[in-house]
Amino acid sequence: MRLVTLAAALIALAMPAAAYDCHVSMEKWRPVDELKTRLKSQGWVVHNVTVDDGCYEVYGKDESGRRVEVVFHPTTFAELGMDD
């Protein structure tokens, strides 16, 4: 029984990372420089952008100066959530 409970807990912990649905053809992706320009115009400081599970993951500081790691959709630039 403990093994089942442990397995369920591990699956629940892994869910947030897999919760973002960014899997679209790369031909439809908008350029990362366009995302950076948009964020900078909103007062962000962008240190780095990576691709994780088909999403753009932005590392930097938001308009209020908070250190952030935020996930964006590669075609819509919709903010999908914060990553820890």
PDB file of N, CA and C in Angstrom:
ATOM      1  N   MET A   1       0.827  -1.194   0.000  1.00  0.00           N
ATOM      2  CA  MET A   1       0.000   0.000   0.000  1.00  0.00           C
ATOM      3  C   MET A   1       0.869   1.254   0.000  1.00  0.00           C
ATOM      4  N   ARG A   2       1.962   1.221   0.766  1.00  0.00           N
ATOM      5  CA  ARG A   2       2.854   2.387   0.812  1.00  0.00           C
ATOM      6  C   ARG A   2       3.460   2.684  -0.547  1.00  0.00           C
ATOM      7  N   LEU A   3       3.788   1.632  -1.294  1.00  0.00           N
ATOM      8  CA  LEU A   3       4.370   1.799  -2.612  1.00  0.00           C
ATOM      9  C   LEU A   3       3.394   2.499  -3.553  1.00  0.00           C
ATOM     10  N   VAL A   4       2.132   2.135  -3.480  1.00  0.00           N
ATOM     11  CA  VAL A   4       1.102   2.772  -4.312  1.00  0.00           C
ATOM     12  C   VAL A   4       0.962   4.242  -3.930  1.00  0.00           C
ATOM     13  N   THR A   5       0.960   4.536  -2.645  1.00  0.00           N
ATOM     14  CA  THR A   5       0.850   5.916  -2.178  1.00  0.00           C
ATOM     15  C   THR A   5       2.052   6.731  -2.622  1.00  0.00           C
ATOM     16  N   LEU A   6       3.239   6.158  -2.514  1.00  0.00           N
ATOM     17  CA  LEU A   6       4.453   6.841  -2.942  1.00  0.00           C
ATOM     18  C   LEU A   6       4.436   7.096  -4.439  1.00  0.00           C
ATOM     19  N   ALA A   7       4.015   6.108  -5.217  1.00  0.00           N
ATOM     20  CA  ALA A   7       3.941   6.269  -6.674  1.00  0.00           C
ATOM     21  C   ALA A   7       2.949   7.368  -7.040  1.00  0.00           C
ATOM     22  N   ALA A   8       1.816   7.419  -6.386  1.00  0.00           N
ATOM     23  CA  ALA A   8       0.810   8.452  -6.653  1.00  0.00           C
ATOM     24  C   ALA A   8       1.352   9.841  -6.313  1.00  0.00           C
ATOM     25  N   ALA A   9       2.091   9.937  -5.227  1.00  0.00           N
ATOM     26  CA  ALA A   9       2.675  11.219  -4.831  1.00  0.00           C
ATOM     27  C   ALA A   9       3.709  11.683  -5.847  1.00  0.00           C
ATOM     28  N   LEU A  10       4.531  10.779  -6.327  1.00  0.00           N
ATOM     29  CA  LEU A  10       5.541  11.135  -7.328  1.00  0.00           C
ATOM     30  C   LEU A  10       4.903  11.568  -8.642  1.00  0.00           C
ATOM     31  N   ILE A  11       3.863  10.907  -9.046  1.00  0.00           N
ATOM     32  CA  ILE A  11       3.140  11.296 -10.263  1.00  0.00           C
ATOM     33  C   ILE A  11       2.531  12.677 -10.092  1.00  0.00           C
ATOM     34  N   ALA A  12       1.958  12.960  -8.946  1.00  0.00           N
ATOM     35  CA  ALA A  12       1.353  14.266  -8.679  1.00  0.00           C
ATOM     36  C   ALA A  12       2.400  15.371  -8.711  1.00  0.00           C
ATOM     37  N   LEU A  13       3.590  15.086  -8.196  1.00  0.00           N
ATOM     38  CA  LEU A  13       4.661  16.083  -8.226  1.00  0.00           C
ATOM     39  C   LEU A  13       5.147  16.354  -9.645  1.00  0.00           C
ATOM     40  N   ALA A  14       5.106  15.362 -10.504  1.00  0.00           N
ATOM     41  CA  ALA A  14       5.572  15.515 -11.875  1.00  0.00           C
ATOM     42  C   ALA A  14       4.540  16.186 -12.770  1.00  0.00           C
ATOM     43  N   MET A  15       3.308  16.224 -12.371  1.00  0.00           N
ATOM     44  CA  MET A  15       2.237  16.756 -13.205  1.00  0.00           C
ATOM     45  C   MET A  15       2.438  18.211 -13.623  1.00  0.00           C
ATOM     46  N   PRO A  16       2.816  19.131 -12.746  1.00  0.00           N
ATOM     47  CA  PRO A  16       2.935  20.515 -13.187  1.00  0.00           C
ATOM     48  C   PRO A  16       3.900  20.696 -14.351  1.00  0.00           C
ATOM     49  N   ALA A  17       4.985  19.971 -14.400  1.00  0.00           N
ATOM     50  CA  ALA A  17       5.941  20.105 -15.488  1.00  0.00           C
ATOM     51  C   ALA A  17       5.336  19.637 -16.808  1.00  0.00           C
ATOM     52  N   ALA A  18       4.473  18.658 -16.761  1.00  0.00           N
ATOM     53  CA  ALA A  18       3.879  18.134 -17.985  1.00  0.00           C
ATOM     54  C   ALA A  18       2.544  18.791 -18.311  1.00  0.00           C
ATOM     55  N   ALA A  19       2.110  19.729 -17.520  1.00  0.00           N
ATOM     56  CA  ALA A  19       0.788  20.323 -17.684  1.00  0.00           C
ATOM     57  C   ALA A  19       0.711  21.293 -18.856  1.00  0.00           C
ATOM     58  N   TYR A  20       1.835  21.760 -19.357  1.00  0.00           N
ATOM     59  CA  TYR A  20       1.830  22.737 -20.438  1.00  0.00           C
ATOM     60  C   TYR A  20       1.745  22.025 -21.779  1.00  0.00           C
ATOM     61  N   ASP A  21       0.800  22.452 -22.608  1.00  0.00           N
ATOM     62  CA  ASP A  21       0.609  21.836 -23.919  1.00  0.00           C
ATOM     63  C   ASP A  21       1.175  22.762 -24.990  1.00  0.00           C
ATOM     64  N   CYS A  22       2.450  22.592 -25.299  1.00  0.00           N
ATOM     65  CA  CYS A  22       3.120  23.444 -26.275  1.00  0.00           C
ATOM     66  C   CYS A  22       3.529  22.672 -27.512  1.00  0.00           C
ATOM     67  N   HIS A  23       3.068  21.484 -27.666  1.00  0.00           N
ATOM     68  CA  HIS A  23       3.534  20.648 -28.758  1.00  0.00           C
ATOM     69  C   HIS A  23       2.833  21.010 -30.063  1.00  0.00           C
ATOM     70  N   VAL A  24       3.481  21.925 -30.799  1.00  0.00           N
ATOM     71  CA  VAL A  24       3.034  22.320 -32.131  1.00  0.00           C
ATOM     72  C   VAL A  24       4.246  22.243 -33.052  1.00  0.00           C
ATOM     73  N   SER A  25       4.002  22.161 -34.317  1.00  0.00           N
ATOM     74  CA  SER A  25       5.075  22.085 -35.296  1.00  0.00           C
ATOM     75  C   SER A  25       5.975  23.316 -35.186  1.00  0.00           C
ATOM     76  N   MET A  26       7.281  23.111 -35.228  1.00  0.00           N
ATOM     77  CA  MET A  26       8.232  24.217 -35.098  1.00  0.00           C
ATOM     78  C   MET A  26       8.069  25.235 -36.227  1.00  0.00           C
ATOM     79  N   GLU A  27       7.495  24.827 -37.336  1.00  0.00           N
ATOM     80  CA  GLU A  27       7.248  25.746 -38.443  1.00  0.00           C
ATOM     81  C   GLU A  27       6.281  26.853 -38.042  1.00  0.00           C
ATOM     82  N   LYS A  28       5.462  26.590 -37.035  1.00  0.00           N
ATOM     83  CA  LYS A  28       4.470  27.567 -36.578  1.00  0.00           C
ATOM     84  C   LYS A  28       4.986  28.457 -35.450  1.00  0.00           C
ATOM     85  N   TRP A  29       6.155  28.145 -34.911  1.00  0.00           N
ATOM     86  CA  TRP A  29       6.708  28.913 -33.794  1.00  0.00           C
ATOM     87  C   TRP A  29       7.060  30.323 -34.235  1.00  0.00           C
ATOM     88  N   ARG A  30       6.830  31.269 -33.355  1.00  0.00           N
ATOM     89  CA  ARG A  30       7.280  32.636 -33.579  1.00  0.00           C
ATOM     90  C   ARG A  30       8.707  32.752 -33.046  1.00  0.00           C
ATOM     91  N   PRO A  31       9.503  33.654 -33.624  1.00  0.00           N
ATOM     92  CA  PRO A  31      10.905  33.762 -33.209  1.00  0.00           C
ATOM     93  C   PRO A  31      11.063  34.171 -31.744  1.00  0.00           C
ATOM     94  N   VAL A  32      12.057  33.590 -31.097  1.00  0.00           N
ATOM     95  CA  VAL A  32      12.327  33.890 -29.696  1.00  0.00           C
ATOM     96  C   VAL A  32      12.667  35.367 -29.516  1.00  0.00           C
ATOM     97  N   ASP A  33      13.313  35.979 -30.515  1.00  0.00           N
ATOM     98  CA  ASP A  33      13.645  37.405 -30.407  1.00  0.00           C
ATOM     99  C   ASP A  33      12.393  38.268 -30.329  1.00  0.00           C
ATOM    100  N   GLU A  34      11.316  37.827 -30.961  1.00  0.00           N
ATOM    101  CA  GLU A  34      10.042  38.545 -30.884  1.00  0.00           C
ATOM    102  C   GLU A  34       9.485  38.499 -29.450  1.00  0.00           C
ATOM    103  N   LEU A  35       9.612  37.346 -28.802  1.00  0.00           N
ATOM    104  CA  LEU A  35       9.174  37.216 -27.411  1.00  0.00           C
ATOM    105  C   LEU A  35      10.023  38.105 -26.505  1.00  0.00           C
ATOM    106  N   LYS A  36      11.339  38.078 -26.710  1.00  0.00           N
ATOM    107  CA  LYS A  36      12.239  38.903 -25.895  1.00  0.00           C
ATOM    108  C   LYS A  36      11.902  40.381 -26.043  1.00  0.00           C
ATOM    109  N   THR A  37      11.676  40.829 -27.283  1.00  0.00           N
ATOM    110  CA  THR A  37      11.345  42.234 -27.534  1.00  0.00           C
ATOM    111  C   THR A  37      10.050  42.617 -26.838  1.00  0.00           C
ATOM    112  N   ARG A  38       9.056  41.745 -26.926  1.00  0.00           N
ATOM    113  CA  ARG A  38       7.766  42.013 -26.280  1.00  0.00           C
ATOM    114  C   ARG A  38       7.926  42.151 -24.767  1.00  0.00           C
ATOM    115  N   LEU A  39       8.660  41.223 -24.168  1.00  0.00           N
ATOM    116  CA  LEU A  39       8.842  41.248 -22.715  1.00  0.00           C
ATOM    117  C   LEU A  39       9.649  42.472 -22.281  1.00  0.00           C
ATOM    118  N   LYS A  40      10.695  42.792 -23.031  1.00  0.00           N
ATOM    119  CA  LYS A  40      11.507  43.973 -22.696  1.00  0.00           C
ATOM    120  C   LYS A  40      10.685  45.246 -22.774  1.00  0.00           C
ATOM    121  N   SER A  41       9.766  45.319 -23.742  1.00  0.00           N
ATOM    122  CA  SER A  41       8.904  46.509 -23.860  1.00  0.00           C
ATOM    123  C   SER A  41       7.935  46.623 -22.687  1.00  0.00           C
ATOM    124  N   GLN A  42       7.718  45.512 -21.977  1.00  0.00           N
ATOM    125  CA  GLN A  42       6.847  45.505 -20.798  1.00  0.00           C
ATOM    126  C   GLN A  42       7.651  45.700 -19.512  1.00  0.00           C
ATOM    127  N   GLY A  43       8.948  45.976 -19.660  1.00  0.00           N
ATOM    128  CA  GLY A  43       9.773  46.243 -18.485  1.00  0.00           C
ATOM    129  C   GLY A  43      10.535  45.054 -17.937  1.00  0.00           C
ATOM    130  N   TRP A  44      10.509  43.934 -18.630  1.00  0.00           N
ATOM    131  CA  TRP A  44      11.232  42.757 -18.180  1.00  0.00           C
ATOM    132  C   TRP A  44      12.707  42.871 -18.526  1.00  0.00           C
ATOM    133  N   VAL A  45      13.531  42.167 -17.760  1.00  0.00           N
ATOM    134  CA  VAL A  45      14.937  41.955 -18.088  1.00  0.00           C
ATOM    135  C   VAL A  45      15.059  40.464 -18.376  1.00  0.00           C
ATOM    136  N   VAL A  46      15.374  40.127 -19.616  1.00  0.00           N
ATOM    137  CA  VAL A  46      15.445  38.729 -20.027  1.00  0.00           C
ATOM    138  C   VAL A  46      16.907  38.291 -20.005  1.00  0.00           C
ATOM    139  N   HIS A  47      17.205  37.307 -19.160  1.00  0.00           N
ATOM    140  CA  HIS A  47      18.566  36.788 -19.064  1.00  0.00           C
ATOM    141  C   HIS A  47      18.794  35.632 -20.029  1.00  0.00           C
ATOM    142  N   ASN A  48      17.780  34.773 -20.174  1.00  0.00           N
ATOM    143  CA  ASN A  48      17.945  33.585 -21.012  1.00  0.00           C
ATOM    144  C   ASN A  48      16.572  33.043 -21.389  1.00  0.00           C
ATOM    145  N   VAL A  49      16.506  32.431 -22.563  1.00  0.00           N
ATOM    146  CA  VAL A  49      15.293  31.742 -22.996  1.00  0.00           C
ATOM    147  C   VAL A  49      15.713  30.358 -23.473  1.00  0.00           C
ATOM    148  N   THR A  50      15.048  29.349 -22.946  1.00  0.00           N
ATOM    149  CA  THR A  50      15.313  27.978 -23.360  1.00  0.00           C
ATOM    150  C   THR A  50      14.018  27.354 -23.872  1.00  0.00           C
ATOM    151  N   VAL A  51      14.138  26.176 -24.438  1.00  0.00           N
ATOM    152  CA  VAL A  51      12.974  25.406 -24.874  1.00  0.00           C
ATOM    153  C   VAL A  51      12.890  24.180 -23.982  1.00  0.00           C
ATOM    154  N   ASP A  52      11.722  23.996 -23.359  1.00  0.00           N
ATOM    155  CA  ASP A  52      11.508  22.851 -22.478  1.00  0.00           C
ATOM    156  C   ASP A  52      10.132  22.277 -22.764  1.00  0.00           C
ATOM    157  N   ASP A  53      10.070  21.021 -23.128  1.00  0.00           N
ATOM    158  CA  ASP A  53       8.807  20.347 -23.468  1.00  0.00           C
ATOM    159  C   ASP A  53       8.021  21.117 -24.517  1.00  0.00           C
ATOM    160  N   GLY A  54       8.720  21.713 -25.476  1.00  0.00           N
ATOM    161  CA  GLY A  54       8.053  22.412 -26.566  1.00  0.00           C
ATOM    162  C   GLY A  54       7.604  23.814 -26.223  1.00  0.00           C
ATOM    163  N   CYS A  55       7.918  24.302 -25.038  1.00  0.00           N
ATOM    164  CA  CYS A  55       7.543  25.652 -24.610  1.00  0.00           C
ATOM    165  C   CYS A  55       8.787  26.528 -24.500  1.00  0.00           C
ATOM    166  N   TYR A  56       8.594  27.841 -24.643  1.00  0.00           N
ATOM    167  CA  TYR A  56       9.665  28.774 -24.309  1.00  0.00           C
ATOM    168  C   TYR A  56       9.675  28.966 -22.801  1.00  0.00           C
ATOM    169  N   GLU A  57      10.844  28.899 -22.208  1.00  0.00           N
ATOM    170  CA  GLU A  57      10.989  29.120 -20.774  1.00  0.00           C
ATOM    171  C   GLU A  57      11.917  30.324 -20.594  1.00  0.00           C
ATOM    172  N   VAL A  58      11.379  31.391 -20.021  1.00  0.00           N
ATOM    173  CA  VAL A  58      12.112  32.650 -19.890  1.00  0.00           C
ATOM    174  C   VAL A  58      12.637  32.795 -18.468  1.00  0.00           C
ATOM    175  N   TYR A  59      13.921  33.109 -18.364  1.00  0.00           N
ATOM    176  CA  TYR A  59      14.580  33.366 -17.083  1.00  0.00           C
ATOM    177  C   TYR A  59      14.959  34.836 -17.061  1.00  0.00           C
ATOM    178  N   GLY A  60      14.591  35.517 -16.002  1.00  0.00           N
ATOM    179  CA  GLY A  60      14.942  36.927 -15.897  1.00  0.00           C
ATOM    180  C   GLY A  60      14.226  37.586 -14.747  1.00  0.00           C
ATOM    181  N   LYS A  61      13.905  38.876 -14.950  1.00  0.00           N
ATOM    182  CA  LYS A  61      13.170  39.644 -13.952  1.00  0.00           C
ATOM    183  C   LYS A  61      11.958  40.270 -14.614  1.00  0.00           C
ATOM    184  N   ASP A  62      10.817  40.205 -13.919  1.00  0.00           N
ATOM    185  CA  ASP A  62       9.602  40.794 -14.469  1.00  0.00           C
ATOM    186  C   ASP A  62       9.599  42.304 -14.256  1.00  0.00           C
ATOM    187  N   GLU A  63       8.499  42.939 -14.619  1.00  0.00           N
ATOM    188  CA  GLU A  63       8.400  44.404 -14.549  1.00  0.00           C
ATOM    189  C   GLU A  63       8.539  44.956 -13.136  1.00  0.00           C
ATOM    190  N   SER A  64       8.315  44.134 -12.130  1.00  0.00           N
ATOM    191  CA  SER A  64       8.463  44.592 -10.745  1.00  0.00           C
ATOM    192  C   SER A  64       9.830  44.236 -10.157  1.00  0.00           C
ATOM    193  N   GLY A  65      10.702  43.635 -10.989  1.00  0.00           N
ATOM    194  CA  GLY A  65      12.045  43.316 -10.542  1.00  0.00           C
ATOM    195  C   GLY A  65      12.198  41.957  -9.881  1.00  0.00           C
ATOM    196  N   ARG A  66      11.117  41.189  -9.836  1.00  0.00           N
ATOM    197  CA  ARG A  66      11.187  39.844  -9.242  1.00  0.00           C
ATOM    198  C   ARG A  66      11.893  38.887 -10.185  1.00  0.00           C
ATOM    199  N   ARG A  67      12.738  38.041  -9.640  1.00  0.00           N
ATOM    200  CA  ARG A  67      13.385  36.988 -10.422  1.00  0.00           C
ATOM    201  C   ARG A  67      12.314  35.965 -10.797  1.00  0.00           C
ATOM    202  N   VAL A  68      12.227  35.642 -12.087  1.00  0.00           N
ATOM    203  CA  VAL A  68      11.175  34.736 -12.545  1.00  0.00           C
ATOM    204  C   VAL A  68      11.716  33.693 -13.509  1.00  0.00           C
ATOM    205  N   GLU A  69      10.957  32.622 -13.603  1.00  0.00           N
ATOM    206  CA  GLU A  69      11.141  31.568 -14.592  1.00  0.00           C
ATOM    207  C   GLU A  69       9.724  31.278 -15.089  1.00  0.00           C
ATOM    208  N   VAL A  70       9.399  31.783 -16.282  1.00  0.00           N
ATOM    209  CA  VAL A  70       8.027  31.740 -16.774  1.00  0.00           C
ATOM    210  C   VAL A  70       7.967  30.968 -18.089  1.00  0.00           C
ATOM    211  N   VAL A  71       6.907  30.182 -18.257  1.00  0.00           N
ATOM    212  CA  VAL A  71       6.708  29.361 -19.442  1.00  0.00           C
ATOM    213  C   VAL A  71       5.731  30.069 -20.381  1.00  0.00           C
ATOM    214  N   PHE A  72       6.113  30.151 -21.674  1.00  0.00           N
ATOM    215  CA  PHE A  72       5.284  30.790 -22.694  1.00  0.00           C
ATOM    216  C   PHE A  72       5.042  29.819 -23.846  1.00  0.00           C
ATOM    217  N   HIS A  73       3.860  29.939 -24.457  1.00  0.00           N
ATOM    218  CA  HIS A  73       3.535  29.134 -25.626  1.00  0.00           C
ATOM    219  C   HIS A  73       4.332  29.677 -26.813  1.00  0.00           C
ATOM    220  N   PRO A  74       4.912  28.811 -27.656  1.00  0.00           N
ATOM    221  CA  PRO A  74       5.791  29.284 -28.732  1.00  0.00           C
ATOM    222  C   PRO A  74       5.093  29.939 -29.924  1.00  0.00           C
ATOM    223  N   THR A  75       3.784  29.766 -30.049  1.00  0.00           N
ATOM    224  CA  THR A  75       3.097  30.389 -31.181  1.00  0.00           C
ATOM    225  C   THR A  75       2.239  31.578 -30.769  1.00  0.00           C
ATOM    226  N   THR A  76       1.702  31.545 -29.561  1.00  0.00           N
ATOM    227  CA  THR A  76       0.814  32.623 -29.119  1.00  0.00           C
ATOM    228  C   THR A  76       1.473  33.567 -28.127  1.00  0.00           C
ATOM    229  N   PHE A  77       2.600  33.132 -27.556  1.00  0.00           N
ATOM    230  CA  PHE A  77       3.277  33.828 -26.465  1.00  0.00           C
ATOM    231  C   PHE A  77       2.385  33.972 -25.234  1.00  0.00           C
ATOM    232  N   ALA A  78       1.367  33.133 -25.138  1.00  0.00           N
ATOM    233  CA  ALA A  78       0.521  33.131 -23.938  1.00  0.00           C
ATOM    234  C   ALA A  78       1.370  32.671 -22.762  1.00  0.00           C
ATOM    235  N   GLU A  79       1.244  33.377 -21.643  1.00  0.00           N
ATOM    236  CA  GLU A  79       1.960  32.990 -20.424  1.00  0.00           C
ATOM    237  C   GLU A  79       1.237  31.794 -19.827  1.00  0.00           C
ATOM    238  N   LEU A  80       1.948  30.680 -19.717  1.00  0.00           N
ATOM    239  CA  LEU A  80       1.333  29.438 -19.248  1.00  0.00           C
ATOM    240  C   LEU A  80       1.532  29.191 -17.765  1.00  0.00           C
ATOM    241  N   GLY A  81       2.484  29.865 -17.167  1.00  0.00           N
ATOM    242  CA  GLY A  81       2.682  29.692 -15.743  1.00  0.00           C
ATOM    243  C   GLY A  81       4.126  29.894 -15.336  1.00  0.00           C
ATOM    244  N   MET A  82       4.320  29.883 -14.041  1.00  0.00           N
ATOM    245  CA  MET A  82       5.646  30.036 -13.461  1.00  0.00           C
ATOM    246  C   MET A  82       6.231  28.644 -13.263  1.00  0.00           C
ATOM    247  N   ASP A  83       7.522  28.541 -13.465  1.00  0.00           N
ATOM    248  CA  ASP A  83       8.219  27.296 -13.212  1.00  0.00           C
ATOM    249  C   ASP A  83       9.091  27.501 -11.982  1.00  0.00           C
ATOM    250  N   ASP A  84       9.219  26.471 -11.172  1.00  0.00           N
ATOM    251  CA  ASP A  84      10.018  26.593  -9.952  1.00  0.00           C
ATOM    252  C   ASP A  84      11.417  26.081 -10.155  1.00  0.00           C
TER     253      ASP A  84
END
